[in-house]
């Protein structure tokens, strides 16, 4: 009698385990197919023509949202670092709360990119900006086996983790736009002033000196030629007001440029395979959320690079200011 009861009890569990394994296998096949689609998706969406289409969405409130996100990005970095520390201290609820904070403002470019990833790469439903889509390749892959339909609800938490990963992916584009703007300042400083300028703050002194020099030459009482000779020997002094004005102007220009910097950053990242690797990390995180242990997550490392450039920019400006 006991043997019969044990067999009856283990039978359904075995069946459930087999169905769950089939669900995981179907999901993994779906995500493998997504990986195969990444190269073509990157060519279409992050090449020059594709990124111009995406950045047409920046002609609007993104010009204000992008600078705001530059200011909010350090808060995002601190939240992510705090979440990592909380997880190591065995405080999972605090870690989850910190890691789930959506600090950055949703820009139109980021939403258009997220829609392209969801609808074109993942072929999943979309109800946000840009038009609804009802395609669901994951559901088709799973429901091809009718016995799996009842197990989909058990994976509901994967949806929240995937949404968080997609949001973090959108944040990487803002960070890379900041990096592109900083690299542009670096190139401008190297070309014009033969100086290391990893941002607008460190670029400001050189530009202010040039403007002060040109203004002094133009106002020289003996004419421009003599003024050039005089100020070539005795450079014009840069006023603190001019320095502050140039610095604020450059920072405002850089902040607005961030909204459109992806037009340059996207094709370059596509050429070097950065978009492909980042999308594959996103797919890995979403696959782990649905068919694994849900512990992998998607880490937006680009924010740390942007903040490192900010610190370098501020540090160089401070050193030059102290050295006179």
Protein backbone atom coordinates (compact mmCIF):
# COMPACT_ATOMS: atom_id res chain seq x y z
CA UNK A 1 0.00 0.00 0.00
CA UNK A 2 2.81 2.36 0.91
CA UNK A 3 4.60 1.50 -2.32
CA UNK A 4 1.45 2.32 -4.33
CA UNK A 5 1.05 5.69 -2.60
CA UNK A 6 4.70 6.57 -3.18
CA UNK A 7 4.37 5.76 -6.89
CA UNK A 8 1.21 7.84 -7.21
CA UNK A 9 2.80 10.77 -5.47
CA UNK A 10 6.03 10.72 -7.44
CA UNK A 11 4.30 10.24 -10.80
CA UNK A 12 2.89 13.76 -11.13
CA UNK A 13 6.13 15.28 -9.85
CA UNK A 14 8.07 13.42 -12.50
CA UNK A 15 5.64 14.60 -15.17
CA UNK A 16 5.86 18.17 -13.93
CA UNK A 17 9.65 17.98 -13.95
CA UNK A 18 9.66 16.69 -17.52
CA UNK A 19 7.32 19.46 -18.64
CA UNK A 20 9.41 22.06 -16.84
CA UNK A 21 12.52 20.72 -18.57
CA UNK A 22 10.70 20.96 -21.89
CA UNK A 23 9.73 24.55 -21.11
CA UNK A 24 13.35 25.43 -20.38
CA UNK A 25 14.49 23.68 -23.56
CA UNK A 26 11.95 25.61 -25.64
CA UNK A 27 13.03 28.89 -24.05
CA UNK A 28 16.71 28.19 -24.64
CA UNK A 29 16.00 27.41 -28.29
CA UNK A 30 14.17 30.73 -28.56
CA UNK A 31 17.09 32.68 -27.05
CA UNK A 32 19.58 30.85 -29.29
CA UNK A 33 17.55 32.06 -32.25
CA UNK A 34 17.68 35.63 -30.86
CA UNK A 35 21.50 35.45 -30.72
CA UNK A 36 21.59 34.41 -34.35
CA UNK A 37 19.58 37.54 -35.22
CA UNK A 38 21.90 39.99 -33.42
CA UNK A 39 24.38 40.73 -36.27
CA UNK A 40 21.66 41.61 -38.78
CA UNK A 41 19.76 43.65 -36.16
CA UNK A 42 22.88 45.67 -35.33
CA UNK A 43 23.56 46.37 -39.01
CA UNK A 44 20.01 47.60 -39.58
CA UNK A 45 19.44 49.56 -36.38
CA UNK A 46 22.87 50.85 -35.37
CA UNK A 47 24.42 51.55 -38.74
CA UNK A 48 24.38 55.17 -39.93
CA UNK A 49 20.94 55.03 -41.54
CA UNK A 50 19.36 53.15 -38.64
CA UNK A 51 20.81 55.39 -35.95
CA UNK A 52 19.69 58.52 -37.84
CA UNK A 53 16.15 57.13 -37.77
CA UNK A 54 16.43 56.50 -34.04
CA UNK A 55 17.85 59.94 -33.29
CA UNK A 56 15.13 61.72 -35.21
CA UNK A 57 13.20 61.09 -31.97
CA UNK A 58 15.66 63.35 -30.11
CA UNK A 59 14.24 66.45 -31.82
CA UNK A 60 12.04 67.40 -28.90
CA UNK A 61 12.12 67.03 -25.14
CA UNK A 62 15.18 64.76 -25.32
CA UNK A 63 17.28 67.93 -25.66
CA UNK A 64 16.33 68.60 -22.02
CA UNK A 65 16.09 65.01 -20.81
CA UNK A 66 19.60 64.09 -21.99
CA UNK A 67 21.32 66.81 -19.90
CA UNK A 68 19.12 65.88 -16.93
CA UNK A 69 20.23 62.26 -17.28
CA UNK A 70 23.86 63.39 -17.20
CA UNK A 71 23.17 64.85 -13.76
CA UNK A 72 21.20 61.79 -12.63
CA UNK A 73 23.70 59.24 -13.90
CA UNK A 74 25.95 59.42 -10.79
CA UNK A 75 22.86 58.63 -8.68
CA UNK A 76 22.27 55.55 -10.84
CA UNK A 77 25.88 54.44 -10.38
CA UNK A 78 25.61 54.87 -6.60
CA UNK A 79 22.33 52.90 -6.53
CA UNK A 80 23.90 50.03 -8.48
CA UNK A 81 27.02 50.01 -6.32
CA UNK A 82 24.85 50.12 -3.19
CA UNK A 83 22.83 47.19 -4.50
CA UNK A 84 25.99 45.17 -5.03
CA UNK A 85 27.20 45.95 -1.51
CA UNK A 86 23.80 45.05 -0.02
CA UNK A 87 23.82 41.73 -1.86
CA UNK A 88 27.26 40.92 -0.47
CA UNK A 89 26.02 41.81 3.01
CA UNK A 90 23.16 39.33 2.58
CA UNK A 91 20.43 41.99 2.42
CA UNK A 92 18.53 40.80 -0.66
CA UNK A 93 15.47 43.04 -0.23
CA UNK A 94 17.61 46.17 0.00
CA UNK A 95 19.72 44.98 -2.93
CA UNK A 96 16.66 44.32 -5.10
CA UNK A 97 15.19 47.72 -4.21
CA UNK A 98 18.40 49.57 -5.10
CA UNK A 99 19.03 47.58 -8.28
CA UNK A 100 15.47 48.12 -9.52
CA UNK A 101 15.52 51.93 -9.25
CA UNK A 102 14.95 53.53 -12.66
CA UNK A 103 16.84 56.74 -12.02
CA UNK A 104 17.25 58.02 -15.58
CA UNK A 105 14.45 59.82 -17.37
CA UNK A 106 13.03 57.80 -20.29
CA UNK A 107 14.18 59.56 -23.48
CA UNK A 108 12.38 59.17 -26.80
CA UNK A 109 15.54 57.73 -28.38
CA UNK A 110 15.89 55.15 -25.59
CA UNK A 111 12.22 54.17 -25.94
CA UNK A 112 12.53 53.85 -29.72
CA UNK A 113 15.62 51.68 -29.23
CA UNK A 114 13.87 49.54 -26.61
CA UNK A 115 10.89 49.08 -28.95
CA UNK A 116 13.21 48.01 -31.79
CA UNK A 117 14.89 45.44 -29.52
CA UNK A 118 11.61 44.07 -28.16
CA UNK A 119 9.68 43.99 -31.45
CA UNK A 120 12.39 43.27 -34.03
CA UNK A 121 15.04 41.31 -32.14
CA UNK A 122 13.01 39.50 -29.48
CA UNK A 123 9.70 39.51 -31.38
CA UNK A 124 7.75 40.10 -28.17
CA UNK A 125 4.58 42.17 -27.52
CA UNK A 126 4.95 45.93 -27.15
CA UNK A 127 2.36 48.43 -25.92
CA UNK A 128 4.55 51.49 -25.37
CA UNK A 129 5.40 54.50 -27.56
CA UNK A 130 5.91 53.94 -31.26
CA UNK A 131 2.91 51.71 -31.92
CA UNK A 132 1.68 48.46 -30.39
CA UNK A 133 2.90 45.07 -31.56
CA UNK A 134 1.30 41.72 -30.69
CA UNK A 135 3.93 39.35 -32.04
CA UNK A 136 5.17 36.83 -29.48
CA UNK A 137 7.83 34.43 -30.74
CA UNK A 138 8.55 33.15 -27.21
CA UNK A 139 4.93 32.19 -26.66
CA UNK A 140 4.83 30.46 -30.04
CA UNK A 141 7.96 28.50 -29.18
CA UNK A 142 6.55 27.43 -25.81
CA UNK A 143 2.95 26.80 -26.80
CA UNK A 144 4.00 24.61 -29.71
CA UNK A 145 3.85 21.94 -27.00
CA UNK A 146 0.35 22.21 -25.39
CA UNK A 147 1.55 20.57 -22.18
CA UNK A 148 3.75 23.58 -21.46
CA UNK A 149 1.02 26.24 -21.41
CA UNK A 150 0.21 25.78 -17.73
CA UNK A 151 3.80 26.32 -16.66
CA UNK A 152 4.24 29.77 -18.22
CA UNK A 153 2.67 31.49 -15.19
CA UNK A 154 5.36 30.02 -12.96
CA UNK A 155 7.90 32.13 -14.86
CA UNK A 156 6.12 35.45 -14.31
CA UNK A 157 8.99 36.90 -12.30
CA UNK A 158 11.20 36.58 -15.36
CA UNK A 159 9.15 39.32 -17.01
CA UNK A 160 10.04 41.85 -14.32
CA UNK A 161 13.72 40.95 -14.48
CA UNK A 162 13.70 41.20 -18.27
CA UNK A 163 12.02 44.63 -18.15
CA UNK A 164 14.70 45.81 -15.73
CA UNK A 165 17.43 44.48 -18.03
CA UNK A 166 15.91 46.30 -21.02
CA UNK A 167 15.73 49.53 -19.02
CA UNK A 168 19.38 49.20 -18.00
CA UNK A 169 20.31 48.51 -21.62
CA UNK A 170 18.67 51.80 -22.60
CA UNK A 171 20.79 53.53 -19.96
CA UNK A 172 23.99 52.28 -21.57
CA UNK A 173 23.20 54.34 -24.67
CA UNK A 174 23.03 57.52 -22.59
CA UNK A 175 26.35 56.65 -20.97
CA UNK A 176 28.00 55.95 -24.33
CA UNK A 177 26.67 59.27 -25.64
CA UNK A 178 28.43 60.96 -22.71
CA UNK A 179 31.62 59.03 -23.46
CA UNK A 180 31.44 60.07 -27.12
CA UNK A 181 31.04 63.73 -26.14
CA UNK A 182 33.98 63.45 -23.74
CA UNK A 183 36.13 61.83 -26.44
CA UNK A 184 35.18 64.67 -28.79
CA UNK A 185 36.40 67.17 -26.19
CA UNK A 186 39.57 65.10 -25.78
CA UNK A 187 40.21 65.21 -29.53
CA UNK A 188 39.50 68.94 -29.73
CA UNK A 189 41.89 69.67 -26.87
CA UNK A 190 44.64 67.53 -28.38
CA UNK A 191 44.25 69.11 -31.82
CA UNK A 192 43.78 72.76 -30.83
CA UNK A 193 45.72 73.07 -27.58
CA UNK A 194 47.99 69.97 -27.51
CA UNK A 195 46.51 69.28 -24.10
CA UNK A 196 44.67 66.45 -22.35
CA UNK A 197 41.01 67.53 -22.07
CA UNK A 198 38.67 64.58 -21.32
CA UNK A 199 35.63 66.85 -20.96
CA UNK A 200 34.21 70.34 -21.24
CA UNK A 201 35.53 71.51 -17.86
CA UNK A 202 39.18 70.88 -18.76
CA UNK A 203 38.62 72.20 -22.30
CA UNK A 204 37.31 75.56 -21.02
CA UNK A 205 40.65 77.14 -19.91
CA UNK A 206 42.29 76.64 -23.31
CA UNK A 207 39.31 78.02 -25.20
CA UNK A 208 38.95 80.95 -22.80
CA UNK A 209 42.65 81.78 -23.28
CA UNK A 210 42.22 81.79 -27.06
CA UNK A 211 39.17 84.07 -26.84
CA UNK A 212 40.94 86.46 -24.45
CA UNK A 213 43.99 86.53 -26.73
CA UNK A 214 41.94 87.28 -29.84
CA UNK A 215 39.91 89.97 -28.07
CA UNK A 216 43.08 91.65 -26.81
CA UNK A 217 44.68 91.58 -30.26
CA UNK A 218 41.57 93.07 -31.85
CA UNK A 219 41.52 95.89 -29.28
CA UNK A 220 45.27 96.66 -29.46
CA UNK A 221 45.66 100.38 -30.22
CA UNK A 222 48.49 99.93 -32.76
CA UNK A 223 46.58 97.44 -34.90
CA UNK A 224 46.20 93.70 -35.22
CA UNK A 225 49.72 93.00 -36.53
CA UNK A 226 51.43 94.77 -33.66
CA UNK A 227 48.88 93.28 -31.27
CA UNK A 228 49.76 89.76 -32.42
CA UNK A 229 53.45 90.47 -31.86
CA UNK A 230 52.86 92.03 -28.44
CA UNK A 231 50.52 89.37 -27.11
CA UNK A 232 52.72 86.67 -28.62
CA UNK A 233 55.34 87.77 -26.11
CA UNK A 234 52.93 88.71 -23.31
CA UNK A 235 49.78 86.54 -23.48
CA UNK A 236 46.52 88.22 -22.52
CA UNK A 237 45.19 87.53 -19.04
CA UNK A 238 41.98 85.49 -18.82
CA UNK A 239 39.37 87.01 -16.53
CA UNK A 240 37.45 84.82 -14.12
CA UNK A 241 34.19 85.99 -15.72
CA UNK A 242 35.30 84.90 -19.18
CA UNK A 243 36.50 81.56 -17.80
CA UNK A 244 33.16 80.95 -16.06
CA UNK A 245 31.16 81.98 -19.12
CA UNK A 246 33.14 79.74 -21.48
CA UNK A 247 32.91 76.84 -19.04
CA UNK A 248 29.14 77.13 -18.67
CA UNK A 249 28.71 77.53 -22.42
CA UNK A 250 30.78 74.45 -23.16
CA UNK A 251 28.93 72.40 -20.54
CA UNK A 252 25.57 73.46 -22.00
CA UNK A 253 26.76 72.63 -25.52
CA UNK A 254 28.08 69.27 -24.37
CA UNK A 255 24.84 68.46 -22.56
CA UNK A 256 22.76 69.15 -25.67
CA UNK A 257 25.25 67.26 -27.85
CA UNK A 258 24.69 64.16 -25.71
CA UNK A 259 21.14 63.88 -27.13
CA UNK A 260 22.57 63.32 -30.62
CA UNK A 261 26.01 61.84 -29.90
CA UNK A 262 24.72 58.34 -30.62
CA UNK A 263 24.64 59.19 -34.34
CA UNK A 264 28.43 58.90 -34.17
CA UNK A 265 28.68 56.41 -31.32
CA UNK A 266 26.33 53.76 -32.76
CA UNK A 267 28.13 53.05 -36.06
CA UNK A 268 31.51 53.07 -34.30
CA UNK A 269 30.31 50.62 -31.63
CA UNK A 270 28.73 48.43 -34.32
CA UNK A 271 31.99 48.37 -36.28
CA UNK A 272 33.95 47.28 -33.19
CA UNK A 273 31.36 44.69 -32.15
CA UNK A 274 30.39 46.50 -28.94
CA UNK A 275 26.67 46.53 -29.74
CA UNK A 276 26.75 42.83 -30.56
CA UNK A 277 28.48 41.93 -27.31
CA UNK A 278 26.15 44.13 -25.28
CA UNK A 279 23.04 42.64 -26.89
CA UNK A 280 24.34 39.13 -26.30
CA UNK A 281 24.86 40.01 -22.62
CA UNK A 282 21.27 41.24 -22.54
CA UNK A 283 20.04 37.99 -24.13
CA UNK A 284 22.10 35.96 -21.64
CA UNK A 285 20.55 37.87 -18.73
CA UNK A 286 17.01 37.43 -20.04
CA UNK A 287 17.59 33.74 -20.73
CA UNK A 288 18.91 33.24 -17.21
CA UNK A 289 15.87 35.07 -15.80
CA UNK A 290 13.49 32.80 -17.69
CA UNK A 291 15.27 29.47 -17.95
CA UNK A 292 17.99 29.64 -15.30
CA UNK A 293 18.41 30.77 -11.73
CA UNK A 294 17.78 34.49 -12.40
CA UNK A 295 21.07 35.45 -10.77
CA UNK A 296 23.03 36.72 -13.76
CA UNK A 297 21.40 40.09 -14.44
CA UNK A 298 22.47 42.73 -16.93
CA UNK A 299 25.22 45.08 -15.75
CA UNK A 300 25.49 48.46 -17.45
CA UNK A 301 29.24 48.96 -17.21
CA UNK A 302 29.27 51.99 -19.51
CA UNK A 303 28.03 54.28 -16.71
CA UNK A 304 31.24 53.63 -14.79
CA UNK A 305 33.38 54.63 -17.79
CA UNK A 306 31.41 57.86 -18.20
CA UNK A 307 31.85 58.72 -14.51
CA UNK A 308 35.58 57.92 -14.72
CA UNK A 309 35.91 60.44 -17.56
CA UNK A 310 33.97 62.99 -15.48
CA UNK A 311 36.36 62.52 -12.57
CA UNK A 312 39.37 62.81 -14.89
CA UNK A 313 37.95 65.99 -16.41
CA UNK A 314 37.29 67.63 -13.04
CA UNK A 315 40.61 66.45 -11.61
CA UNK A 316 42.68 67.84 -14.49
CA UNK A 317 40.84 71.16 -14.33
CA UNK A 318 41.50 71.38 -10.57
CA UNK A 319 45.19 70.53 -10.96
CA UNK A 320 45.64 73.13 -13.70
CA UNK A 321 43.76 75.71 -11.65
CA UNK A 322 45.97 75.11 -8.61
CA UNK A 323 49.15 75.18 -10.69
CA UNK A 324 48.14 78.59 -11.97
